[in-house]
Amino acid sequence: MHNLKRKIGYGFGDMASSMFWKIFSYYLPFFYSNVFGLTLVDAGVLVMATRIWDAVSDPMMGIVADRTNTRMGKYRPYLLWFAGPFAICGILLFTTPDFAYTGKLIWAYVTYILMMTVYTGINVPYGAMLGVITDDPKQKTVYSSFRMFFAYGGSFIALAAWEPLCSFFTNNFGLGVAGGWQWSMVVIAAVCLALFIICFFMTKEVVKTKSSVGVGSDFKALLSNKPWWILIAAALCFNLFNTVRGATVAYFFADVIGSDANMWLFGLTVLFYSGLFLSIGEVANMVGVALAVPVVDKFGKKNTFMLVNASLVVLSVLFFFLPVTPVGMFGMLMFQIIISVLTGIMSPLVWAMYADVADYSEHKYHTASTGLIFSSSSMAQKFGGAIGGAAVLWLLSACGYVTTGDALIQPQGAISCLWSLMSFIPACVAFIAMCAIYFYPLTTEKVKTIADALRERRSAAAAAVADNFNDVNN
C-alpha cells in the first residue's frame, strides 16, 4: 500500500507538467497567431528559439540536480521550490498586453523563455526521480506507467476543459477572447500548483547516488554512450510525431472540418470539434499506458518500440484517405483512438528506457549522472516540440495560410498542407524512429545483467562505508 501511494504521488507530478505541456503544444501556436496577434513566421521563430534554449538548459539543470544533496533528497525538493513560479509563469505566458506589435513580440519572448526555464527547473529533477525511486528495472516501468497514466489523465482534463473555459470567461465576464484565454490558464495553473505539492509529500527517494567525478567526466561519459545517442534520436522523432499532429489539430478543425461539423457516434449526432478529438485521444493514451507493462513483458522494450512505430506509419498514411463526411469523421476519431493507444504505450516505454540507459552509464563509466541522462530525455522532448511546432507554422505560412480577414477561406495549398501534417509527415517521422531504434543495444537480458551488477556494487559500497564508520568509532 505504501508503494502504491508513492506511485500515485509520482504520477501527480507529470499530471501537472502534462496539463501545461499539452496546452503549450496544441494551443499556444494557435494562440500566438490567432489571438495574441503575431504573424505565422514570427510565431514560428519564437517557438523554435525558446524551445531550443529550453532544450539546451536541460543538461545544465541535470548537472545541478545531480549535485544537489538535502535532507529531502536530491531531486524531490525541486518540486516544492518551483511549483509556485511554474504556475505564475504559465499565467503570464497566456497574457496579452496592450502593447504595439514590437512590444508584444518582446513580451512573448520574455514570458515564453521564462516559462520554459521554470519548466526545466521542475521537470528535469522530477524525471530523474525515476532513477532513484526504485532500483528494480521492472518497477521502473511500473512507476513510469503510473506517471504516464496520470500525465494523460491531466492532459485529458486540460484539453477537454480548455475550450469550454475560454468560452465561459470570454462570454460571461466581458473579458474578450484574450482575457478568456488568460483566465482559463489561471484555473489550470492553480490545479498544477496543488498537484506538484501533493507529489512532493507523497514520494520518497530510496536509492542514494552520488556523482564522484567532475562535470567534464559526466559529459564525456554521456557523449560516449551509444544507447543514449540512439534513444535520443528515436525519442526526438516520437515527440516530433506527437507535436506535429497535435499542433495541427486546431488549424485542421478550423479550416478543414469546420466549426459546426457533426458525426455519428453510436446512433447519435455529435458535434465534432478539436477539443473532443484531442481529449478522447488522451483517454486512449491512458488505455495505452495501462497496456504498456504487459505488452513490454511480452515483446521486450526494443521490439515494442519498433512494432508501435510501424503501426503508426500505416495508420498515419491511411488517415489521409478519410473523407470529410459524417462517416469519414467517425473514421478519423477511430484512427485517433488507435494512434493514441499506441503513443500511450510508447510514453512510459521511453522513460523506462532512459532509466536503463542511466544504469548502463553508471555500470560502464562508474558515474551516477541520472539527472544528466534524464535531462537529455527532456531535451529530446523539447527539441521535438521546437521543430514540430515551428515547422507547422512555417509550412502553413509557405502554403499561403490566411490568418487575417473577415471571411477566412484558405487556399487549396494550405488545405493540402494541413492534410499532410496530419498524415504523411507524421508517418515519415515514425518510420525514422523505427529505423533508429533498430540499432539500440540494450536488450532485456542485458538490462537485467546490468541491474544485478549495480545492485551488488551498491551493496558493496554501502558495506564499505559501514566498515569505515565502525573502524573510526572503534
Protein backbone atom coordinates (compact mmCIF):
# COMPACT_ATOMS: atom_id res chain seq x y z
CA MET A 1 0.00 0.00 0.00
CA HIS A 2 2.87 2.32 0.82
CA ASN A 3 4.46 1.75 -2.59
CA LEU A 4 1.09 2.32 -4.27
CA LYS A 5 0.91 5.69 -2.52
CA ARG A 6 4.32 6.60 -3.92
CA LYS A 7 3.37 5.50 -7.41
CA ILE A 8 0.20 7.58 -7.34
CA GLY A 9 2.11 10.51 -5.87
CA TYR A 10 4.76 10.22 -8.55
CA GLY A 11 2.01 10.25 -11.18
CA PHE A 12 0.61 13.53 -9.86
CA GLY A 13 3.87 15.28 -10.82
CA ASP A 14 3.57 14.54 -14.52
CA MET A 15 -0.14 15.15 -14.35
CA ALA A 16 0.73 18.77 -13.55
CA SER A 17 3.50 19.01 -16.15
CA SER A 18 1.38 17.48 -18.90
CA MET A 19 -1.57 19.79 -18.29
CA PHE A 20 0.73 22.71 -19.14
CA TRP A 21 2.71 20.91 -21.84
CA LYS A 22 -0.32 19.83 -23.88
CA ILE A 23 -1.82 23.32 -23.75
CA PHE A 24 1.55 24.73 -24.89
CA SER A 25 1.96 22.16 -27.66
CA TYR A 26 -1.58 22.14 -29.04
CA TYR A 27 -2.96 25.62 -28.40
CA LEU A 28 -0.04 28.04 -27.94
CA PRO A 29 0.83 28.27 -31.69
CA PHE A 30 -2.85 28.99 -32.44
CA PHE A 31 -2.95 31.50 -29.55
CA TYR A 32 0.08 33.40 -30.86
CA SER A 33 -1.17 33.58 -34.46
CA ASN A 34 -4.95 33.96 -33.96
CA VAL A 35 -5.40 35.59 -30.53
CA PHE A 36 -2.16 37.30 -29.47
CA GLY A 37 -1.65 38.71 -32.98
CA LEU A 38 1.77 37.52 -34.18
CA THR A 39 2.46 36.60 -37.79
CA LEU A 40 2.94 32.90 -38.55
CA VAL A 41 6.62 33.47 -39.37
CA ASP A 42 7.32 35.40 -36.15
CA ALA A 43 5.38 32.85 -34.10
CA GLY A 44 7.37 30.03 -35.69
CA VAL A 45 10.72 31.70 -34.93
CA LEU A 46 9.54 32.38 -31.36
CA VAL A 47 8.55 28.74 -30.79
CA MET A 48 11.82 27.45 -32.27
CA ALA A 49 14.13 29.88 -30.43
CA THR A 50 12.57 29.48 -27.00
CA ARG A 51 12.32 25.68 -27.23
CA ILE A 52 15.98 25.44 -28.32
CA TRP A 53 17.03 27.49 -25.27
CA ASP A 54 14.82 25.27 -23.16
CA ALA A 55 16.42 22.13 -24.58
CA VAL A 56 19.96 23.46 -24.10
CA SER A 57 19.20 24.38 -20.49
CA ASP A 58 18.09 20.83 -19.64
CA PRO A 59 21.60 19.33 -19.29
CA MET A 60 22.59 22.30 -17.14
CA MET A 61 19.69 21.57 -14.82
CA GLY A 62 20.55 17.88 -14.84
CA ILE A 63 24.10 18.62 -13.68
CA VAL A 64 22.84 20.92 -10.91
CA ALA A 65 20.28 18.36 -9.75
CA ASP A 66 22.85 15.53 -9.73
CA ARG A 67 24.96 17.57 -7.31
CA THR A 68 22.11 18.62 -5.03
CA ASN A 69 22.03 16.98 -1.60
CA THR A 70 19.40 17.87 1.00
CA ARG A 71 17.63 16.04 3.79
CA MET A 72 14.58 15.91 1.46
CA GLY A 73 16.57 14.15 -1.25
CA LYS A 74 18.48 15.00 -4.41
CA TYR A 75 15.71 15.69 -6.96
CA ARG A 76 12.46 15.81 -4.96
CA PRO A 77 12.98 19.28 -3.35
CA TYR A 78 12.70 21.00 -6.72
CA LEU A 79 9.01 20.07 -6.84
CA LEU A 80 8.44 22.29 -3.82
CA TRP A 81 10.81 25.08 -4.82
CA PHE A 82 9.49 25.59 -8.36
CA ALA A 83 5.75 24.85 -8.06
CA GLY A 84 4.79 28.49 -7.41
CA PRO A 85 6.94 30.05 -10.17
CA PHE A 86 5.66 27.35 -12.55
CA ALA A 87 2.03 28.44 -12.04
CA ILE A 88 2.78 32.17 -12.25
CA CYS A 89 4.80 31.87 -15.47
CA GLY A 90 2.02 29.88 -17.14
CA ILE A 91 -0.43 32.71 -16.47
CA LEU A 92 1.99 35.33 -17.82
CA LEU A 93 2.54 33.24 -20.95
CA PHE A 94 -1.15 33.48 -21.88
CA THR A 95 -1.44 37.17 -21.01
CA THR A 96 -1.90 39.57 -23.95
CA PRO A 97 -0.56 43.05 -23.02
CA ASP A 98 -1.89 46.22 -24.62
CA PHE A 99 1.37 46.94 -26.45
CA ALA A 100 2.31 47.74 -30.02
CA TYR A 101 3.42 44.80 -32.15
CA THR A 102 7.12 45.06 -31.23
CA GLY A 103 6.31 45.29 -27.53
CA LYS A 104 4.04 42.25 -27.75
CA LEU A 105 6.73 40.29 -29.56
CA ILE A 106 9.26 41.15 -26.81
CA TRP A 107 6.70 40.18 -24.15
CA ALA A 108 6.13 36.86 -25.90
CA TYR A 109 9.86 36.07 -25.98
CA VAL A 110 10.43 37.02 -22.33
CA THR A 111 7.43 35.13 -20.93
CA TYR A 112 7.98 32.04 -23.10
CA ILE A 113 11.69 31.80 -22.22
CA LEU A 114 10.87 32.34 -18.54
CA MET A 115 8.16 29.67 -18.63
CA MET A 116 10.38 27.11 -20.30
CA THR A 117 13.26 27.83 -17.89
CA VAL A 118 10.99 27.20 -14.90
CA TYR A 119 9.54 24.12 -16.63
CA THR A 120 13.09 22.77 -16.91
CA GLY A 121 13.77 23.59 -13.27
CA ILE A 122 10.93 21.39 -12.07
CA ASN A 123 10.57 18.77 -14.80
CA VAL A 124 14.20 17.60 -15.14
CA PRO A 125 14.55 16.72 -11.43
CA TYR A 126 11.09 15.18 -11.48
CA GLY A 127 12.04 12.92 -14.38
CA ALA A 128 15.34 11.98 -12.72
CA MET A 129 13.42 10.79 -9.65
CA LEU A 130 12.52 7.65 -11.63
CA GLY A 131 16.16 6.59 -11.33
CA VAL A 132 16.19 6.84 -7.52
CA ILE A 133 12.63 5.99 -6.53
CA THR A 134 13.38 2.25 -7.06
CA ASP A 135 16.34 0.10 -8.16
CA ASP A 136 14.19 -2.59 -9.83
CA PRO A 137 14.08 -2.33 -13.68
CA LYS A 138 10.56 -3.81 -13.84
CA GLN A 139 9.31 -1.46 -11.12
CA LYS A 140 10.75 1.46 -13.07
CA THR A 141 8.44 0.51 -15.93
CA VAL A 142 5.54 0.33 -13.45
CA TYR A 143 6.38 3.76 -11.97
CA SER A 144 6.76 5.11 -15.48
CA SER A 145 3.33 3.70 -16.37
CA PHE A 146 1.75 5.38 -13.34
CA ARG A 147 3.50 8.57 -14.37
CA MET A 148 2.17 8.49 -17.92
CA PHE A 149 -1.30 7.31 -16.90
CA PHE A 150 -1.70 10.37 -14.68
CA ALA A 151 0.00 12.54 -17.30
CA TYR A 152 -2.60 11.62 -19.89
CA GLY A 153 -5.33 12.00 -17.29
CA GLY A 154 -4.15 15.55 -16.68
CA SER A 155 -3.90 16.19 -20.41
CA PHE A 156 -7.46 14.95 -20.87
CA ILE A 157 -8.75 17.27 -18.17
CA ALA A 158 -6.85 20.27 -19.56
CA LEU A 159 -7.76 19.69 -23.20
CA ALA A 160 -11.40 18.82 -22.51
CA ALA A 161 -11.80 21.87 -20.26
CA TRP A 162 -9.77 24.39 -22.28
CA GLU A 163 -12.25 25.47 -24.96
CA PRO A 164 -15.24 25.48 -22.53
CA LEU A 165 -13.19 27.53 -20.05
CA CYS A 166 -12.17 30.01 -22.76
CA SER A 167 -15.78 30.36 -23.88
CA PHE A 168 -17.02 30.69 -20.28
CA PHE A 169 -14.64 33.52 -19.35
CA THR A 170 -14.96 35.23 -22.74
CA ASN A 171 -18.76 35.22 -22.88
CA ASN A 172 -19.70 35.78 -19.23
CA PHE A 173 -17.29 38.36 -17.86
CA GLY A 174 -16.72 40.73 -20.78
CA LEU A 175 -13.02 39.83 -20.89
CA GLY A 176 -12.74 39.40 -24.64
CA VAL A 177 -11.03 36.45 -26.28
CA ALA A 178 -7.55 37.32 -24.94
CA GLY A 179 -8.84 37.73 -21.38
CA GLY A 180 -10.76 34.46 -21.65
CA TRP A 181 -7.58 32.61 -22.58
CA GLN A 182 -5.67 34.23 -19.71
CA TRP A 183 -8.22 33.33 -17.03
CA SER A 184 -8.52 29.81 -18.37
CA MET A 185 -4.80 29.43 -17.69
CA VAL A 186 -5.30 30.81 -14.16
CA VAL A 187 -7.59 27.85 -13.45
CA ILE A 188 -5.18 25.31 -14.98
CA ALA A 189 -2.20 26.86 -13.14
CA ALA A 190 -3.93 26.62 -9.75
CA VAL A 191 -4.59 22.90 -10.28
CA CYS A 192 -0.98 22.29 -11.33
CA LEU A 193 0.37 24.09 -8.26
CA ALA A 194 -1.64 21.81 -5.98
CA LEU A 195 -0.60 18.65 -7.84
CA PHE A 196 3.13 19.40 -7.58
CA ILE A 197 2.88 19.99 -3.85
CA ILE A 198 0.93 16.75 -3.38
CA CYS A 199 3.57 14.90 -5.44
CA PHE A 200 6.30 16.21 -3.15
CA PHE A 201 4.61 14.93 0.02
CA MET A 202 3.63 11.51 -1.40
CA THR A 203 7.02 10.48 -2.82
CA LYS A 204 10.40 9.45 -1.41
CA GLU A 205 13.86 8.80 -2.82
CA VAL A 206 15.11 5.35 -1.79
CA VAL A 207 18.26 4.91 -3.93
CA LYS A 208 21.21 7.01 -2.78
CA THR A 209 23.54 8.04 -5.59
CA LYS A 210 26.48 10.40 -5.59
CA SER A 211 28.36 11.85 -8.53
CA SER A 212 32.02 11.27 -7.68
CA VAL A 213 33.52 12.70 -10.88
CA GLY A 214 33.70 16.13 -12.42
CA VAL A 215 31.23 17.68 -14.84
CA GLY A 216 33.65 17.11 -17.72
CA SER A 217 33.77 13.39 -16.98
CA ASP A 218 29.98 13.23 -16.83
CA PHE A 219 29.71 14.84 -20.26
CA LYS A 220 32.46 12.63 -21.67
CA ALA A 221 30.64 9.54 -20.47
CA LEU A 222 27.37 10.84 -21.87
CA LEU A 223 28.79 11.57 -25.31
CA SER A 224 30.42 8.11 -25.40
CA ASN A 225 27.14 6.42 -24.52
CA LYS A 226 25.90 4.73 -27.72
CA PRO A 227 22.47 3.68 -26.34
CA TRP A 228 21.92 7.29 -25.25
CA TRP A 229 22.53 8.64 -28.77
CA ILE A 230 20.19 6.09 -30.34
CA LEU A 231 17.42 6.67 -27.80
CA ILE A 232 17.77 10.45 -28.15
CA ALA A 233 17.20 10.18 -31.91
CA ALA A 234 14.23 7.83 -31.52
CA ALA A 235 12.64 9.83 -28.68
CA LEU A 236 13.06 13.11 -30.59
CA CYS A 237 11.17 11.57 -33.51
CA PHE A 238 8.46 10.26 -31.19
CA ASN A 239 7.92 13.72 -29.71
CA LEU A 240 8.07 15.28 -33.16
CA PHE A 241 5.30 12.87 -34.27
CA ASN A 242 3.07 13.94 -31.37
CA THR A 243 3.79 17.65 -31.70
CA VAL A 244 3.21 17.90 -35.45
CA ARG A 245 -0.16 16.17 -35.19
CA GLY A 246 -1.17 17.97 -32.01
CA ALA A 247 -0.18 21.48 -33.15
CA THR A 248 -2.04 20.96 -36.44
CA VAL A 249 -5.35 19.87 -34.91
CA ALA A 250 -6.72 23.36 -34.07
CA TYR A 251 -5.97 24.57 -37.61
CA PHE A 252 -7.25 21.33 -39.17
CA PHE A 253 -10.60 21.59 -37.43
CA ALA A 254 -10.96 25.31 -38.06
CA ASP A 255 -10.28 25.11 -41.79
CA VAL A 256 -10.85 21.52 -42.97
CA ILE A 257 -13.55 20.11 -40.68
CA GLY A 258 -15.34 23.38 -39.79
CA SER A 259 -16.74 24.65 -36.51
CA ASP A 260 -20.24 23.18 -36.97
CA ALA A 261 -19.37 19.70 -38.27
CA ASN A 262 -21.32 16.71 -36.95
CA MET A 263 -20.57 12.99 -36.89
CA TRP A 264 -22.49 9.87 -35.96
CA LEU A 265 -21.49 8.22 -32.70
CA PHE A 266 -23.43 5.17 -31.50
CA GLY A 267 -26.54 6.34 -33.34
CA LEU A 268 -26.29 9.92 -32.07
CA THR A 269 -25.32 13.09 -33.89
CA VAL A 270 -22.33 14.61 -32.10
CA LEU A 271 -20.54 17.93 -32.67
CA PHE A 272 -17.06 17.11 -33.97
CA TYR A 273 -14.54 19.68 -32.72
CA SER A 274 -10.84 19.79 -31.83
CA GLY A 275 -11.37 19.52 -28.07
CA LEU A 276 -13.36 16.29 -28.50
CA PHE A 277 -10.74 14.88 -30.88
CA LEU A 278 -7.83 15.71 -28.54
CA SER A 279 -9.46 14.81 -25.22
CA ILE A 280 -10.69 11.40 -26.44
CA GLY A 281 -7.13 10.85 -27.66
CA GLU A 282 -5.91 11.48 -24.11
CA VAL A 283 -8.29 8.84 -22.74
CA ALA A 284 -6.97 6.42 -25.36
CA ASN A 285 -3.43 7.36 -24.28
CA MET A 286 -4.34 6.26 -20.76
CA VAL A 287 -5.51 2.90 -22.11
CA GLY A 288 -2.18 2.57 -23.89
CA VAL A 289 -0.28 3.33 -20.70
CA ALA A 290 -2.25 0.61 -18.88
CA LEU A 291 -1.26 -1.83 -21.64
CA ALA A 292 2.42 -0.84 -21.61
CA VAL A 293 3.62 -3.20 -18.86
CA PRO A 294 2.01 -6.41 -20.22
CA VAL A 295 2.99 -5.55 -23.80
CA VAL A 296 6.60 -4.82 -22.81
CA ASP A 297 6.72 -8.00 -20.71
CA LYS A 298 5.66 -9.99 -23.77
CA PHE A 299 7.76 -8.36 -26.51
CA GLY A 300 10.55 -6.50 -24.68
CA LYS A 301 11.19 -2.75 -24.80
CA LYS A 302 13.07 -2.59 -28.09
CA ASN A 303 10.64 -4.80 -30.03
CA THR A 304 7.65 -2.93 -28.62
CA PHE A 305 9.16 0.35 -29.74
CA MET A 306 9.61 -0.94 -33.30
CA LEU A 307 6.15 -2.55 -33.56
CA VAL A 308 4.38 0.56 -32.29
CA ASN A 309 6.14 2.87 -34.74
CA ALA A 310 5.48 0.53 -37.67
CA SER A 311 1.78 0.67 -36.79
CA LEU A 312 1.90 4.48 -36.54
CA VAL A 313 3.35 4.67 -40.06
CA VAL A 314 0.49 2.63 -41.54
CA LEU A 315 -2.30 4.39 -39.62
CA SER A 316 -0.96 7.88 -40.39
CA VAL A 317 -0.87 7.18 -44.13
CA LEU A 318 -4.42 5.75 -44.10
CA PHE A 319 -5.70 8.87 -42.26
CA PHE A 320 -5.07 10.90 -45.44
CA PHE A 321 -7.72 8.97 -47.36
CA LEU A 322 -10.60 9.57 -44.92
CA PRO A 323 -13.35 11.81 -46.37
CA VAL A 324 -14.82 14.85 -44.61
CA THR A 325 -18.25 13.26 -44.17
CA PRO A 326 -20.03 12.04 -41.01
CA VAL A 327 -18.76 8.51 -41.70
CA GLY A 328 -15.27 9.80 -42.51
CA MET A 329 -15.17 11.91 -39.37
CA PHE A 330 -16.15 8.87 -37.32
CA GLY A 331 -13.22 7.11 -39.01
CA MET A 332 -10.93 9.99 -38.03
CA LEU A 333 -11.99 9.61 -34.41
CA MET A 334 -11.39 5.85 -34.53
CA PHE A 335 -7.92 6.40 -36.02
CA GLN A 336 -7.21 8.99 -33.32
CA ILE A 337 -8.15 6.47 -30.65
CA ILE A 338 -5.94 3.70 -32.07
CA ILE A 339 -2.99 6.04 -32.70
CA SER A 340 -3.34 7.43 -29.17
CA VAL A 341 -3.41 3.95 -27.62
CA LEU A 342 -0.13 3.22 -29.42
CA THR A 343 1.52 6.50 -28.35
CA GLY A 344 0.26 5.78 -24.84
CA ILE A 345 2.22 2.53 -24.86
CA MET A 346 5.27 4.43 -26.10
CA SER A 347 5.34 7.13 -23.43
CA PRO A 348 6.20 5.05 -20.32
CA LEU A 349 8.37 2.82 -22.51
CA VAL A 350 10.64 5.72 -23.49
CA TRP A 351 11.08 6.87 -19.89
CA ALA A 352 11.81 3.33 -18.71
CA MET A 353 14.41 3.00 -21.47
CA TYR A 354 16.09 6.20 -20.25
CA ALA A 355 16.30 4.63 -16.79
CA ASP A 356 18.04 1.64 -18.40
CA VAL A 357 20.45 3.98 -20.18
CA ALA A 358 21.24 5.66 -16.84
CA ASP A 359 22.02 2.27 -15.30
CA TYR A 360 24.17 1.37 -18.31
CA SER A 361 26.12 4.62 -17.85
CA GLU A 362 26.67 4.02 -14.13
CA HIS A 363 27.73 0.43 -14.79
CA LYS A 364 30.17 1.21 -17.60
CA TYR A 365 31.54 4.62 -16.62
CA HIS A 366 31.14 4.48 -12.81
CA THR A 367 29.39 7.86 -12.79
CA ALA A 368 25.96 8.45 -11.25
CA SER A 369 24.67 11.04 -13.73
CA THR A 370 20.98 10.16 -13.56
CA GLY A 371 19.87 13.79 -13.74
CA LEU A 372 22.03 14.44 -16.79
CA ILE A 373 20.68 11.33 -18.53
CA PHE A 374 17.06 12.20 -17.80
CA SER A 375 17.59 15.82 -18.76
CA SER A 376 18.56 14.55 -22.19
CA SER A 377 15.14 12.95 -22.48
CA SER A 378 13.53 16.25 -21.68
CA MET A 379 15.89 17.86 -24.19
CA ALA A 380 14.71 15.46 -26.90
CA GLN A 381 11.09 16.18 -25.99
CA LYS A 382 11.65 19.90 -26.29
CA PHE A 383 13.68 19.73 -29.48
CA GLY A 384 10.87 17.64 -30.95
CA GLY A 385 8.39 20.24 -29.75
CA ALA A 386 10.50 23.10 -31.08
CA ILE A 387 10.98 21.58 -34.52
CA GLY A 388 7.40 20.30 -34.75
CA GLY A 389 5.68 23.47 -33.54
CA ALA A 390 7.80 25.79 -35.70
CA ALA A 391 7.55 23.52 -38.75
CA VAL A 392 3.75 23.55 -38.61
CA LEU A 393 3.66 27.36 -38.57
CA TRP A 394 6.32 27.79 -41.26
CA LEU A 395 4.79 25.19 -43.57
CA LEU A 396 1.37 26.80 -43.25
CA SER A 397 2.88 30.21 -44.00
CA ALA A 398 4.72 28.85 -47.05
CA CYS A 399 1.49 27.28 -48.32
CA GLY A 400 -0.40 30.57 -48.08
CA TYR A 401 -2.40 30.03 -44.88
CA VAL A 402 -4.52 33.13 -44.11
CA THR A 403 -4.78 34.42 -40.50
CA THR A 404 -6.46 37.81 -41.05
CA GLY A 405 -9.60 38.94 -42.82
CA ASP A 406 -13.36 38.96 -42.32
CA ALA A 407 -14.01 35.65 -44.08
CA LEU A 408 -11.04 33.33 -43.82
CA ILE A 409 -11.20 30.98 -46.79
CA GLN A 410 -7.95 29.04 -47.06
CA PRO A 411 -6.30 28.38 -50.44
CA GLN A 412 -6.10 24.77 -51.63
CA GLY A 413 -2.35 24.70 -50.93
CA ALA A 414 -2.96 25.42 -47.24
CA ILE A 415 -5.70 22.75 -47.06
CA SER A 416 -3.40 20.17 -48.65
CA CYS A 417 -0.65 21.14 -46.21
CA LEU A 418 -2.99 20.55 -43.27
CA TRP A 419 -3.85 17.07 -44.56
CA SER A 420 -0.15 16.23 -44.96
CA LEU A 421 0.60 17.47 -41.45
CA MET A 422 -1.99 15.03 -40.11
CA SER A 423 -0.83 12.06 -42.19
CA PHE A 424 2.25 11.71 -44.41
CA ILE A 425 4.62 13.92 -42.40
CA PRO A 426 3.99 12.13 -39.07
CA ALA A 427 4.28 8.80 -40.91
CA CYS A 428 7.77 9.71 -42.14
CA VAL A 429 8.83 10.71 -38.63
CA ALA A 430 7.58 7.42 -37.13
CA PHE A 431 9.47 5.49 -39.81
CA ILE A 432 12.73 7.27 -38.88
CA ALA A 433 12.16 6.45 -35.19
CA MET A 434 11.65 2.77 -36.04
CA CYS A 435 14.88 2.69 -38.06
CA ALA A 436 16.86 4.40 -35.27
CA ILE A 437 15.77 2.03 -32.51
CA TYR A 438 16.74 -0.99 -34.62
CA PHE A 439 20.36 -0.31 -33.58
CA TYR A 440 19.56 0.03 -29.83
CA PRO A 441 21.80 -2.50 -27.98
CA LEU A 442 20.13 -2.76 -24.53
CA THR A 443 18.10 -5.95 -24.76
CA THR A 444 16.02 -7.31 -21.89
CA GLU A 445 18.75 -9.77 -20.92
CA LYS A 446 21.48 -7.14 -20.95
CA VAL A 447 19.44 -4.73 -18.82
CA LYS A 448 18.85 -7.46 -16.22
CA THR A 449 22.58 -8.27 -16.10
CA ILE A 450 23.45 -4.59 -15.57
CA ALA A 451 20.82 -4.18 -12.82
CA ASP A 452 22.14 -7.21 -10.93
CA ALA A 453 25.73 -5.97 -11.19
CA LEU A 454 24.79 -2.49 -9.97
CA ARG A 455 22.87 -3.91 -7.03
CA GLU A 456 25.94 -5.87 -5.95
CA ARG A 457 28.22 -2.86 -6.43
CA ARG A 458 25.96 -0.56 -4.40
CA SER A 459 25.67 -3.13 -1.62
CA ALA A 460 29.45 -3.50 -1.50
CA ALA A 461 29.89 0.28 -1.41
CA ALA A 462 27.37 0.61 1.43
CA ALA A 463 29.11 -2.18 3.37
CA ALA A 464 32.48 -0.46 2.89
CA VAL A 465 31.08 2.81 4.23
CA ALA A 466 29.66 0.99 7.23
CA ASP A 467 33.00 -0.75 7.92
CA ASN A 468 34.88 2.54 7.76
CA PHE A 469 32.40 4.10 10.13
CA ASN A 470 32.83 1.24 12.60
CA ASP A 471 36.64 1.44 12.34
CA VAL A 472 36.57 5.15 13.13
CA ASN A 473 34.28 4.67 16.12
CA ASN A 474 36.30 1.74 17.48
